[in-house]
Amino acid sequence: EKRPFFNDNQNIFDVVGPENLRVVHTPRIGGE
């Protein structure tokens, strides 16, 4: 994610797991 709004104060939503799992991957929003 490179967009300023989604990078600011985003730590609380960062949950990761194996196989590069991201519970929240904000590039989905407003994208393909």
ModelCIF file with pLDDT and N, C-alpha, C, O atoms, coordinates in Angstrom:
data_MODEL
#
_entry.id   MODEL 
#
_entity.id                         1 
_entity.type                       polymer 
_entity.pdbx_number_of_molecules   1 
#
_entity_poly.entity_id                      1 
_entity_poly.type                           'polypeptide(L)' 
_entity_poly.nstd_linkage                   no 
_entity_poly.nstd_monomer                   no 
_entity_poly.pdbx_seq_one_letter_code       EKRPFFNDNQNIFDVVGPENLRVVHTPRIGGE 
_entity_poly.pdbx_seq_one_letter_code_can   EKRPFFNDNQNIFDVVGPENLRVVHTPRIGGE 
_entity_poly.pdbx_strand_id                 A 
#
loop_
_entity_poly_seq.entity_id 
_entity_poly_seq.num 
_entity_poly_seq.mon_id 
_entity_poly_seq.hetero 
1 1  GLU n 
1 2  LYS n 
1 3  ARG n 
1 4  PRO n 
1 5  PHE n 
1 6  PHE n 
1 7  ASN n 
1 8  ASP n 
1 9  ASN n 
1 10 GLN n 
1 11 ASN n 
1 12 ILE n 
1 13 PHE n 
1 14 ASP n 
1 15 VAL n 
1 16 VAL n 
1 17 GLY n 
1 18 PRO n 
1 19 GLU n 
1 20 ASN n 
1 21 LEU n 
1 22 ARG n 
1 23 VAL n 
1 24 VAL n 
1 25 HIS n 
1 26 THR n 
1 27 PRO n 
1 28 ARG n 
1 29 ILE n 
1 30 GLY n 
1 31 GLY n 
1 32 GLU n 
#
_struct_asym.id          A 
_struct_asym.entity_id   1 
#
loop_
_ma_qa_metric.id 
_ma_qa_metric.mode 
_ma_qa_metric.name 
_ma_qa_metric.software_group_id 
_ma_qa_metric.type 
1 global pLDDT . pLDDT 
2 local  pLDDT . pLDDT 
#
_ma_qa_metric_global.metric_id      1 
_ma_qa_metric_global.metric_value   86.88 
_ma_qa_metric_global.model_id       1 
_ma_qa_metric_global.ordinal_id     1 
#
loop_
_ma_qa_metric_local.label_asym_id 
_ma_qa_metric_local.label_comp_id 
_ma_qa_metric_local.label_seq_id 
_ma_qa_metric_local.metric_id 
_ma_qa_metric_local.metric_value 
_ma_qa_metric_local.model_id 
_ma_qa_metric_local.ordinal_id 
A GLU 1  2 82.00 1 1  
A LYS 2  2 79.00 1 2  
A ARG 3  2 80.00 1 3  
A PRO 4  2 79.00 1 4  
A PHE 5  2 84.00 1 5  
A PHE 6  2 86.00 1 6  
A ASN 7  2 82.00 1 7  
A ASP 8  2 82.00 1 8  
A ASN 9  2 82.00 1 9  
A GLN 10 2 86.00 1 10 
A ASN 11 2 85.00 1 11 
A ILE 12 2 89.00 1 12 
A PHE 13 2 92.00 1 13 
A ASP 14 2 89.00 1 14 
A VAL 15 2 92.00 1 15 
A VAL 16 2 92.00 1 16 
A GLY 17 2 93.00 1 17 
A PRO 18 2 93.00 1 18 
A GLU 19 2 92.00 1 19 
A ASN 20 2 92.00 1 20 
A LEU 21 2 94.00 1 21 
A ARG 22 2 93.00 1 22 
A VAL 23 2 95.00 1 23 
A VAL 24 2 94.00 1 24 
A HIS 25 2 92.00 1 25 
A THR 26 2 90.00 1 26 
A PRO 27 2 87.00 1 27 
A ARG 28 2 88.00 1 28 
A ILE 29 2 88.00 1 29 
A GLY 30 2 83.00 1 30 
A GLY 31 2 75.00 1 31 
A GLU 32 2 70.00 1 32 
#
loop_
_atom_site.group_PDB 
_atom_site.id 
_atom_site.type_symbol 
_atom_site.label_atom_id 
_atom_site.label_alt_id 
_atom_site.label_comp_id 
_atom_site.label_asym_id 
_atom_site.label_entity_id 
_atom_site.label_seq_id 
_atom_site.pdbx_PDB_ins_code 
_atom_site.Cartn_x 
_atom_site.Cartn_y 
_atom_site.Cartn_z 
_atom_site.occupancy 
_atom_site.B_iso_or_equiv 
_atom_site.pdbx_formal_charge 
_atom_site.auth_seq_id 
_atom_site.auth_comp_id 
_atom_site.auth_asym_id 
_atom_site.auth_atom_id 
_atom_site.pdbx_PDB_model_num 
ATOM 1   N N  . GLU A 1 1  ? 0.843   -1.203  0.000  1.00 82.00 ? 1  GLU A N  1 
ATOM 2   C CA . GLU A 1 1  ? 0.000   0.000   0.000  1.00 82.00 ? 1  GLU A CA 1 
ATOM 3   C C  . GLU A 1 1  ? 0.874   1.248   0.000  1.00 82.00 ? 1  GLU A C  1 
ATOM 4   O O  . GLU A 1 1  ? 1.772   1.370   0.833  1.00 82.00 ? 1  GLU A O  1 
ATOM 5   N N  . LYS A 1 2  ? 0.626   2.176   -0.920 1.00 79.00 ? 2  LYS A N  1 
ATOM 6   C CA . LYS A 1 2  ? 1.403   3.411   -1.005 1.00 79.00 ? 2  LYS A CA 1 
ATOM 7   C C  . LYS A 1 2  ? 0.560   4.651   -0.704 1.00 79.00 ? 2  LYS A C  1 
ATOM 8   O O  . LYS A 1 2  ? 1.101   5.755   -0.647 1.00 79.00 ? 2  LYS A O  1 
ATOM 9   N N  . ARG A 1 3  ? -0.743  4.496   -0.512 1.00 80.00 ? 3  ARG A N  1 
ATOM 10  C CA . ARG A 1 3  ? -1.623  5.657   -0.364 1.00 80.00 ? 3  ARG A CA 1 
ATOM 11  C C  . ARG A 1 3  ? -1.588  6.178   1.074  1.00 80.00 ? 3  ARG A C  1 
ATOM 12  O O  . ARG A 1 3  ? -1.741  5.401   2.016  1.00 80.00 ? 3  ARG A O  1 
ATOM 13  N N  . PRO A 1 4  ? -1.388  7.490   1.248  1.00 79.00 ? 4  PRO A N  1 
ATOM 14  C CA . PRO A 1 4  ? -1.184  8.057   2.590  1.00 79.00 ? 4  PRO A CA 1 
ATOM 15  C C  . PRO A 1 4  ? -2.321  7.753   3.563  1.00 79.00 ? 4  PRO A C  1 
ATOM 16  O O  . PRO A 1 4  ? -2.063  7.433   4.723  1.00 79.00 ? 4  PRO A O  1 
ATOM 17  N N  . PHE A 1 5  ? -3.569  7.845   3.115  1.00 84.00 ? 5  PHE A N  1 
ATOM 18  C CA . PHE A 1 5  ? -4.685  7.661   4.042  1.00 84.00 ? 5  PHE A CA 1 
ATOM 19  C C  . PHE A 1 5  ? -4.649  6.276   4.686  1.00 84.00 ? 5  PHE A C  1 
ATOM 20  O O  . PHE A 1 5  ? -4.869  6.150   5.890  1.00 84.00 ? 5  PHE A O  1 
ATOM 21  N N  . PHE A 1 6  ? -4.375  5.237   3.896  1.00 86.00 ? 6  PHE A N  1 
ATOM 22  C CA . PHE A 1 6  ? -4.402  3.875   4.420  1.00 86.00 ? 6  PHE A CA 1 
ATOM 23  C C  . PHE A 1 6  ? -3.126  3.501   5.170  1.00 86.00 ? 6  PHE A C  1 
ATOM 24  O O  . PHE A 1 6  ? -3.099  2.489   5.870  1.00 86.00 ? 6  PHE A O  1 
ATOM 25  N N  . ASN A 1 7  ? -2.075  4.299   5.034  1.00 82.00 ? 7  ASN A N  1 
ATOM 26  C CA . ASN A 1 7  ? -0.848  4.008   5.776  1.00 82.00 ? 7  ASN A CA 1 
ATOM 27  C C  . ASN A 1 7  ? -0.808  4.686   7.133  1.00 82.00 ? 7  ASN A C  1 
ATOM 28  O O  . ASN A 1 7  ? -0.072  4.250   8.018  1.00 82.00 ? 7  ASN A O  1 
ATOM 29  N N  . ASP A 1 8  ? -1.583  5.741   7.313  1.00 82.00 ? 8  ASP A N  1 
ATOM 30  C CA . ASP A 1 8  ? -1.561  6.458   8.579  1.00 82.00 ? 8  ASP A CA 1 
ATOM 31  C C  . ASP A 1 8  ? -2.390  5.722   9.626  1.00 82.00 ? 8  ASP A C  1 
ATOM 32  O O  . ASP A 1 8  ? -3.548  5.381   9.383  1.00 82.00 ? 8  ASP A O  1 
ATOM 33  N N  . ASN A 1 9  ? -1.791  5.478   10.795 1.00 82.00 ? 9  ASN A N  1 
ATOM 34  C CA . ASN A 1 9  ? -2.497  4.879   11.928 1.00 82.00 ? 9  ASN A CA 1 
ATOM 35  C C  . ASN A 1 9  ? -3.149  3.551   11.546 1.00 82.00 ? 9  ASN A C  1 
ATOM 36  O O  . ASN A 1 9  ? -4.293  3.286   11.916 1.00 82.00 ? 9  ASN A O  1 
ATOM 37  N N  . GLN A 1 10 ? -2.424  2.729   10.814 1.00 86.00 ? 10 GLN A N  1 
ATOM 38  C CA . GLN A 1 10 ? -2.964  1.476   10.292 1.00 86.00 ? 10 GLN A CA 1 
ATOM 39  C C  . GLN A 1 10 ? -2.502  0.265   11.091 1.00 86.00 ? 10 GLN A C  1 
ATOM 40  O O  . GLN A 1 10 ? -2.926  -0.854  10.802 1.00 86.00 ? 10 GLN A O  1 
ATOM 41  N N  . ASN A 1 11 ? -1.637  0.463   12.096 1.00 85.00 ? 11 ASN A N  1 
ATOM 42  C CA . ASN A 1 11 ? -1.022  -0.671  12.791 1.00 85.00 ? 11 ASN A CA 1 
ATOM 43  C C  . ASN A 1 11 ? -2.036  -1.630  13.385 1.00 85.00 ? 11 ASN A C  1 
ATOM 44  O O  . ASN A 1 11 ? -1.843  -2.845  13.343 1.00 85.00 ? 11 ASN A O  1 
ATOM 45  N N  . ILE A 1 12 ? -3.107  -1.099  13.933 1.00 89.00 ? 12 ILE A N  1 
ATOM 46  C CA . ILE A 1 12 ? -4.070  -1.955  14.620 1.00 89.00 ? 12 ILE A CA 1 
ATOM 47  C C  . ILE A 1 12 ? -4.682  -2.990  13.682 1.00 89.00 ? 12 ILE A C  1 
ATOM 48  O O  . ILE A 1 12 ? -5.073  -4.068  14.130 1.00 89.00 ? 12 ILE A O  1 
ATOM 49  N N  . PHE A 1 13 ? -4.773  -2.681  12.388 1.00 92.00 ? 13 PHE A N  1 
ATOM 50  C CA . PHE A 1 13 ? -5.407  -3.594  11.431 1.00 92.00 ? 13 PHE A CA 1 
ATOM 51  C C  . PHE A 1 13 ? -4.420  -4.579  10.816 1.00 92.00 ? 13 PHE A C  1 
ATOM 52  O O  . PHE A 1 13 ? -4.824  -5.439  10.033 1.00 92.00 ? 13 PHE A O  1 
ATOM 53  N N  . ASP A 1 14 ? -3.141  -4.475  11.151 1.00 89.00 ? 14 ASP A N  1 
ATOM 54  C CA . ASP A 1 14 ? -2.125  -5.330  10.534 1.00 89.00 ? 14 ASP A CA 1 
ATOM 55  C C  . ASP A 1 14 ? -2.058  -6.671  11.247 1.00 89.00 ? 14 ASP A C  1 
ATOM 56  O O  . ASP A 1 14 ? -1.491  -6.776  12.335 1.00 89.00 ? 14 ASP A O  1 
ATOM 57  N N  . VAL A 1 15 ? -2.638  -7.696  10.630 1.00 92.00 ? 15 VAL A N  1 
ATOM 58  C CA . VAL A 1 15 ? -2.580  -9.063  11.137 1.00 92.00 ? 15 VAL A CA 1 
ATOM 59  C C  . VAL A 1 15 ? -2.065  -9.937  10.001 1.00 92.00 ? 15 VAL A C  1 
ATOM 60  O O  . VAL A 1 15 ? -2.633  -9.944  8.909  1.00 92.00 ? 15 VAL A O  1 
ATOM 61  N N  . VAL A 1 16 ? -0.981  -10.677 10.262 1.00 92.00 ? 16 VAL A N  1 
ATOM 62  C CA . VAL A 1 16 ? -0.338  -11.460 9.206  1.00 92.00 ? 16 VAL A CA 1 
ATOM 63  C C  . VAL A 1 16 ? -0.199  -12.903 9.643  1.00 92.00 ? 16 VAL A C  1 
ATOM 64  O O  . VAL A 1 16 ? -0.223  -13.218 10.833 1.00 92.00 ? 16 VAL A O  1 
ATOM 65  N N  . GLY A 1 17 ? -0.051  -13.787 8.639  1.00 93.00 ? 17 GLY A N  1 
ATOM 66  C CA . GLY A 1 17 ? 0.146   -15.204 8.876  1.00 93.00 ? 17 GLY A CA 1 
ATOM 67  C C  . GLY A 1 17 ? 0.989   -15.807 7.773  1.00 93.00 ? 17 GLY A C  1 
ATOM 68  O O  . GLY A 1 17 ? 1.415   -15.084 6.873  1.00 93.00 ? 17 GLY A O  1 
ATOM 69  N N  . PRO A 1 18 ? 1.246   -17.117 7.809  1.00 93.00 ? 18 PRO A N  1 
ATOM 70  C CA . PRO A 1 18 ? 2.043   -17.769 6.766  1.00 93.00 ? 18 PRO A CA 1 
ATOM 71  C C  . PRO A 1 18 ? 1.400   -17.629 5.387  1.00 93.00 ? 18 PRO A C  1 
ATOM 72  O O  . PRO A 1 18 ? 0.217   -17.310 5.268  1.00 93.00 ? 18 PRO A O  1 
ATOM 73  N N  . GLU A 1 19 ? 2.197   -17.873 4.352  1.00 92.00 ? 19 GLU A N  1 
ATOM 74  C CA . GLU A 1 19 ? 1.787   -17.702 2.961  1.00 92.00 ? 19 GLU A CA 1 
ATOM 75  C C  . GLU A 1 19 ? 1.420   -16.250 2.666  1.00 92.00 ? 19 GLU A C  1 
ATOM 76  O O  . GLU A 1 19 ? 0.542   -15.967 1.851  1.00 92.00 ? 19 GLU A O  1 
ATOM 77  N N  . ASN A 1 20 ? 2.116   -15.333 3.352  1.00 92.00 ? 20 ASN A N  1 
ATOM 78  C CA . ASN A 1 20 ? 1.913   -13.890 3.159  1.00 92.00 ? 20 ASN A CA 1 
ATOM 79  C C  . ASN A 1 20 ? 0.464   -13.482 3.436  1.00 92.00 ? 20 ASN A C  1 
ATOM 80  O O  . ASN A 1 20 ? -0.041  -12.532 2.837  1.00 92.00 ? 20 ASN A O  1 
ATOM 81  N N  . LEU A 1 21 ? -0.198  -14.195 4.337  1.00 94.00 ? 21 LEU A N  1 
ATOM 82  C CA . LEU A 1 21 ? -1.589  -13.880 4.667  1.00 94.00 ? 21 LEU A CA 1 
ATOM 83  C C  . LEU A 1 21 ? -1.691  -12.497 5.299  1.00 94.00 ? 21 LEU A C  1 
ATOM 84  O O  . LEU A 1 21 ? -0.922  -12.158 6.198  1.00 94.00 ? 21 LEU A O  1 
ATOM 85  N N  . ARG A 1 22 ? -2.645  -11.704 4.822  1.00 93.00 ? 22 ARG A N  1 
ATOM 86  C CA . ARG A 1 22 ? -3.000  -10.412 5.390  1.00 93.00 ? 22 ARG A CA 1 
ATOM 87  C C  . ARG A 1 22 ? -4.509  -10.413 5.618  1.00 93.00 ? 22 ARG A C  1 
ATOM 88  O O  . ARG A 1 22 ? -5.286  -10.583 4.678  1.00 93.00 ? 22 ARG A O  1 
ATOM 89  N N  . VAL A 1 23 ? -4.919  -10.222 6.875  1.00 95.00 ? 23 VAL A N  1 
ATOM 90  C CA . VAL A 1 23 ? -6.354  -10.169 7.156  1.00 95.00 ? 23 VAL A CA 1 
ATOM 91  C C  . VAL A 1 23 ? -6.973  -8.936  6.504  1.00 95.00 ? 23 VAL A C  1 
ATOM 92  O O  . VAL A 1 23 ? -8.105  -8.990  6.024  1.00 95.00 ? 23 VAL A O  1 
ATOM 93  N N  . VAL A 1 24 ? -6.232  -7.820  6.484  1.00 94.00 ? 24 VAL A N  1 
ATOM 94  C CA . VAL A 1 24 ? -6.669  -6.608  5.788  1.00 94.00 ? 24 VAL A CA 1 
ATOM 95  C C  . VAL A 1 24 ? -5.571  -6.200  4.816  1.00 94.00 ? 24 VAL A C  1 
ATOM 96  O O  . VAL A 1 24 ? -4.444  -5.923  5.225  1.00 94.00 ? 24 VAL A O  1 
ATOM 97  N N  . HIS A 1 25 ? -5.901  -6.164  3.530  1.00 92.00 ? 25 HIS A N  1 
ATOM 98  C CA . HIS A 1 25 ? -4.959  -5.769  2.474  1.00 92.00 ? 25 HIS A CA 1 
ATOM 99  C C  . HIS A 1 25 ? -5.603  -4.601  1.730  1.00 92.00 ? 25 HIS A C  1 
ATOM 100 O O  . HIS A 1 25 ? -6.367  -4.798  0.786  1.00 92.00 ? 25 HIS A O  1 
ATOM 101 N N  . THR A 1 26 ? -5.283  -3.379  2.169  1.00 90.00 ? 26 THR A N  1 
ATOM 102 C CA . THR A 1 26 ? -6.021  -2.200  1.692  1.00 90.00 ? 26 THR A CA 1 
ATOM 103 C C  . THR A 1 26 ? -5.894  -1.900  0.205  1.00 90.00 ? 26 THR A C  1 
ATOM 104 O O  . THR A 1 26 ? -6.760  -1.191  -0.307 1.00 90.00 ? 26 THR A O  1 
ATOM 105 N N  . PRO A 1 27 ? -4.870  -2.386  -0.555 1.00 87.00 ? 27 PRO A N  1 
ATOM 106 C CA . PRO A 1 27 ? -4.912  -2.156  -2.006 1.00 87.00 ? 27 PRO A CA 1 
ATOM 107 C C  . PRO A 1 27 ? -6.153  -2.729  -2.693 1.00 87.00 ? 27 PRO A C  1 
ATOM 108 O O  . PRO A 1 27 ? -6.454  -2.366  -3.830 1.00 87.00 ? 27 PRO A O  1 
ATOM 109 N N  . ARG A 1 28 ? -6.887  -3.638  -1.999 1.00 88.00 ? 28 ARG A N  1 
ATOM 110 C CA . ARG A 1 28 ? -8.163  -4.109  -2.565 1.00 88.00 ? 28 ARG A CA 1 
ATOM 111 C C  . ARG A 1 28 ? -9.164  -2.957  -2.708 1.00 88.00 ? 28 ARG A C  1 
ATOM 112 O O  . ARG A 1 28 ? -9.989  -2.947  -3.621 1.00 88.00 ? 28 ARG A O  1 
ATOM 113 N N  . ILE A 1 29 ? -9.076  -1.990  -1.794 1.00 88.00 ? 29 ILE A N  1 
ATOM 114 C CA . ILE A 1 29 ? -10.074 -0.922  -1.734 1.00 88.00 ? 29 ILE A CA 1 
ATOM 115 C C  . ILE A 1 29 ? -9.794  0.096   -2.834 1.00 88.00 ? 29 ILE A C  1 
ATOM 116 O O  . ILE A 1 29 ? -8.704  0.664   -2.904 1.00 88.00 ? 29 ILE A O  1 
ATOM 117 N N  . GLY A 1 30 ? -10.771 0.317   -3.679 1.00 83.00 ? 30 GLY A N  1 
ATOM 118 C CA . GLY A 1 30 ? -10.583 1.241   -4.783 1.00 83.00 ? 30 GLY A CA 1 
ATOM 119 C C  . GLY A 1 30 ? -9.673  0.691   -5.860 1.00 83.00 ? 30 GLY A C  1 
ATOM 120 O O  . GLY A 1 30 ? -9.074  1.458   -6.614 1.00 83.00 ? 30 GLY A O  1 
ATOM 121 N N  . GLY A 1 31 ? -9.558  -0.624  -5.944 1.00 75.00 ? 31 GLY A N  1 
ATOM 122 C CA . GLY A 1 31 ? -8.703  -1.261  -6.937 1.00 75.00 ? 31 GLY A CA 1 
ATOM 123 C C  . GLY A 1 31 ? -9.418  -2.388  -7.635 1.00 75.00 ? 31 GLY A C  1 
ATOM 124 O O  . GLY A 1 31 ? -10.642 -2.493  -7.569 1.00 75.00 ? 31 GLY A O  1 
ATOM 125 N N  . GLU A 1 32 ? -8.655  -3.238  -8.309 1.00 70.00 ? 32 GLU A N  1 
ATOM 126 C CA . GLU A 1 32 ? -9.248  -4.350  -9.036 1.00 70.00 ? 32 GLU A CA 1 
ATOM 127 C C  . GLU A 1 32 ? -9.706  -5.439  -8.070 1.00 70.00 ? 32 GLU A C  1 
ATOM 128 O O  . GLU A 1 32 ? -10.235 -6.464  -8.501 1.00 70.00 ? 32 GLU A O  1 
#
